[in-house]
Amino acid sequence: MKNRIKFFLTIPFLLFIVQYYSFYHLLPQEIAVHFNISGNPDRWSDKSTAFITHFVILSAMTFLFLGISYLIGKMSDSLINLPNKHYWLNSENREKSINYLKNTIATMGILTNLFIVYFNQLSIKANLDQTAIPIFHSLAGMIGLFLFLGILIFRLYSKFNNIPESENR
């Protein structure tokens, strides 16, 4: 399970490396690194600084989600805030509950990092074409991320908010 989480959390990171490897030599020396609400560039940087900055951000996000997934299993039950904690974190259910939490947190990390890679690709395309980022693509990315995160949070709450019927008797 641990290796699967690490593997899947590194996929967006590897996509980012492939992105820059494929497009870095095609980009102008100075690139747009920030776009306003209309998708027009409003902040610039040299491409090597932009690459390093994006690399650091994506690395930090990857390690953040890996760290949270690791620490959740090591935490004291008093530090974990769950509905019906007395049931879900008892000795019978703790391991399965913690694994569910780890997988959900890792999935959130994967989605967040894919979102970063997606916006990085929009930025690369805008720099190559010398155009704005289409507002539809920005909105689609943000709505998609929030929708999937919302579904994960809803599933998390739904699972832990209810004690199975067989256990209520």
Protein backbone atom coordinates (compact mmCIF):
# COMPACT_ATOMS: atom_id res chain seq x y z
CA MET A 1 0.00 0.00 0.00
CA LYS A 2 2.78 2.43 0.96
CA ASN A 3 4.63 1.85 -2.30
CA ARG A 4 1.45 2.38 -4.34
CA ILE A 5 0.91 5.76 -2.67
CA LYS A 6 4.50 6.81 -3.38
CA PHE A 7 4.27 5.57 -6.95
CA PHE A 8 1.02 7.38 -7.75
CA LEU A 9 2.15 10.58 -6.03
CA THR A 10 5.25 10.64 -8.22
CA ILE A 11 3.32 10.33 -11.52
CA PRO A 12 2.48 14.06 -11.74
CA PHE A 13 6.08 14.83 -10.81
CA LEU A 14 7.34 12.63 -13.66
CA LEU A 15 4.84 14.26 -16.06
CA PHE A 16 6.25 17.64 -15.05
CA ILE A 17 9.81 16.48 -15.86
CA VAL A 18 8.66 15.15 -19.25
CA GLN A 19 6.83 18.46 -19.87
CA TYR A 20 9.93 20.54 -19.33
CA TYR A 21 12.22 18.11 -21.10
CA SER A 22 9.93 18.25 -24.13
CA PHE A 23 9.33 22.01 -24.25
CA TYR A 24 12.19 23.76 -22.43
CA HIS A 25 14.35 24.19 -25.53
CA LEU A 26 11.37 25.62 -27.46
CA LEU A 27 10.50 28.28 -24.90
CA PRO A 28 11.83 31.84 -25.20
CA GLN A 29 14.41 32.91 -22.62
CA GLU A 30 11.85 35.10 -20.80
CA ILE A 31 8.47 33.49 -20.19
CA ALA A 32 5.19 34.49 -18.60
CA VAL A 33 4.87 32.86 -15.20
CA HIS A 34 1.64 34.44 -13.96
CA PHE A 35 -1.60 35.19 -15.73
CA ASN A 36 -4.39 37.51 -14.63
CA ILE A 37 -8.06 36.58 -14.35
CA SER A 38 -8.50 37.12 -18.10
CA GLY A 39 -5.65 34.73 -18.88
CA ASN A 40 -3.25 37.48 -19.98
CA PRO A 41 0.36 37.31 -18.79
CA ASP A 42 1.22 39.83 -16.08
CA ARG A 43 4.47 38.53 -14.56
CA TRP A 44 7.61 37.33 -16.32
CA SER A 45 10.73 35.36 -15.45
CA ASP A 46 13.62 33.71 -17.21
CA LYS A 47 12.79 30.12 -18.06
CA SER A 48 15.45 28.52 -15.85
CA THR A 49 14.15 30.35 -12.76
CA ALA A 50 10.58 29.39 -13.69
CA PHE A 51 11.59 25.74 -14.08
CA ILE A 52 13.35 25.69 -10.70
CA THR A 53 10.42 27.43 -9.01
CA HIS A 54 7.87 25.02 -10.50
CA PHE A 55 10.14 22.08 -9.62
CA VAL A 56 10.40 23.25 -5.99
CA ILE A 57 6.62 23.83 -5.70
CA LEU A 58 5.73 20.44 -7.14
CA SER A 59 8.39 18.73 -5.01
CA ALA A 60 7.10 20.46 -1.89
CA MET A 61 3.53 19.44 -2.66
CA THR A 62 4.59 15.85 -3.30
CA PHE A 63 6.52 15.67 -0.02
CA LEU A 64 3.67 17.40 1.84
CA PHE A 65 1.14 14.78 0.77
CA LEU A 66 3.61 11.92 1.30
CA GLY A 67 4.40 13.33 4.74
CA ILE A 68 0.75 13.66 5.72
CA SER A 69 0.04 10.13 4.49
CA TYR A 70 2.96 8.85 6.57
CA LEU A 71 2.21 10.87 9.71
CA ILE A 72 -1.49 10.04 9.86
CA GLY A 73 -0.56 6.46 10.75
CA LYS A 74 1.86 7.56 13.46
CA MET A 75 -0.44 10.12 15.10
CA SER A 76 -2.11 9.63 18.42
CA ASP A 77 -5.85 9.06 18.10
CA SER A 78 -6.44 12.27 20.05
CA LEU A 79 -4.92 14.23 17.14
CA ILE A 80 -7.17 12.67 14.51
CA ASN A 81 -10.53 14.38 14.13
CA LEU A 82 -13.12 11.94 12.80
CA PRO A 83 -16.85 11.51 13.36
CA ASN A 84 -17.48 8.38 15.43
CA LYS A 85 -13.79 8.21 16.26
CA HIS A 86 -14.44 5.75 19.10
CA TYR A 87 -15.62 3.20 16.53
CA TRP A 88 -13.33 3.90 13.58
CA LEU A 89 -10.12 4.10 15.59
CA ASN A 90 -10.74 1.20 17.96
CA SER A 91 -8.28 -1.68 17.80
CA GLU A 92 -10.46 -3.66 15.35
CA ASN A 93 -10.96 -0.88 12.78
CA ARG A 94 -7.97 1.41 13.20
CA GLU A 95 -5.72 -0.08 10.52
CA LYS A 96 -8.42 -0.10 7.83
CA SER A 97 -9.55 3.41 8.77
CA ILE A 98 -6.01 4.80 8.71
CA ASN A 99 -5.36 3.16 5.33
CA TYR A 100 -8.57 4.71 3.98
CA LEU A 101 -7.44 8.12 5.25
CA LYS A 102 -3.96 7.65 3.76
CA ASN A 103 -5.37 6.67 0.38
CA THR A 104 -7.80 9.59 0.36
CA ILE A 105 -5.07 12.08 1.29
CA ALA A 106 -2.76 10.60 -1.35
CA THR A 107 -5.54 10.86 -3.95
CA MET A 108 -6.01 14.52 -3.00
CA GLY A 109 -2.27 14.99 -3.49
CA ILE A 110 -2.33 13.33 -6.88
CA LEU A 111 -5.25 15.50 -8.02
CA THR A 112 -3.62 18.67 -6.70
CA ASN A 113 -0.33 17.87 -8.40
CA LEU A 114 -2.06 16.97 -11.66
CA PHE A 115 -3.80 20.34 -11.44
CA ILE A 116 -0.39 22.04 -11.10
CA VAL A 117 0.96 20.08 -14.09
CA TYR A 118 -2.17 20.96 -16.10
CA PHE A 119 -1.73 24.68 -15.43
CA ASN A 120 1.95 24.38 -16.19
CA GLN A 121 1.02 22.93 -19.59
CA LEU A 122 -1.41 25.81 -20.20
CA SER A 123 1.40 28.22 -19.33
CA ILE A 124 3.88 26.48 -21.65
CA LYS A 125 1.37 26.57 -24.51
CA ALA A 126 0.60 30.24 -23.92
CA ASN A 127 4.32 31.04 -23.94
CA LEU A 128 4.97 29.05 -27.10
CA ASP A 129 2.00 30.59 -28.92
CA GLN A 130 2.51 34.05 -27.36
CA THR A 131 -1.18 34.09 -26.39
CA ALA A 132 -3.34 34.29 -23.29
CA ILE A 133 -4.54 31.21 -21.47
CA PRO A 134 -8.13 30.57 -22.60
CA ILE A 135 -10.44 31.30 -19.66
CA PHE A 136 -12.43 28.13 -20.43
CA HIS A 137 -9.34 25.96 -19.85
CA SER A 138 -8.55 27.72 -16.58
CA LEU A 139 -12.10 27.37 -15.33
CA ALA A 140 -12.35 23.76 -16.45
CA GLY A 141 -9.18 22.92 -14.52
CA MET A 142 -10.32 24.68 -11.36
CA ILE A 143 -13.86 23.31 -11.49
CA GLY A 144 -12.52 19.82 -12.14
CA LEU A 145 -10.14 19.99 -9.18
CA PHE A 146 -12.77 21.35 -6.80
CA LEU A 147 -15.35 18.85 -8.01
CA PHE A 148 -13.08 15.85 -7.49
CA LEU A 149 -11.82 17.14 -4.12
CA GLY A 150 -15.42 17.76 -3.08
CA ILE A 151 -16.36 14.21 -4.01
CA LEU A 152 -13.42 12.84 -2.01
CA ILE A 153 -14.32 14.94 1.02
CA PHE A 154 -17.98 13.89 0.75
CA ARG A 155 -16.98 10.20 0.53
CA LEU A 156 -14.64 10.62 3.50
CA TYR A 157 -17.34 12.25 5.60
CA SER A 158 -20.00 9.74 4.50
CA LYS A 159 -17.82 6.78 5.40
CA PHE A 160 -16.81 7.95 8.85
CA ASN A 161 -20.09 9.64 9.77
CA ASN A 162 -21.93 6.32 9.88
CA ILE A 163 -21.31 3.23 11.90
CA PRO A 164 -22.26 0.08 9.95
CA GLU A 165 -25.72 -1.27 10.87
CA SER A 166 -24.33 -4.61 12.03
CA GLU A 167 -22.25 -2.73 14.61
CA ASN A 168 -25.13 -0.59 15.94
CA ARG A 169 -27.02 -3.52 17.44
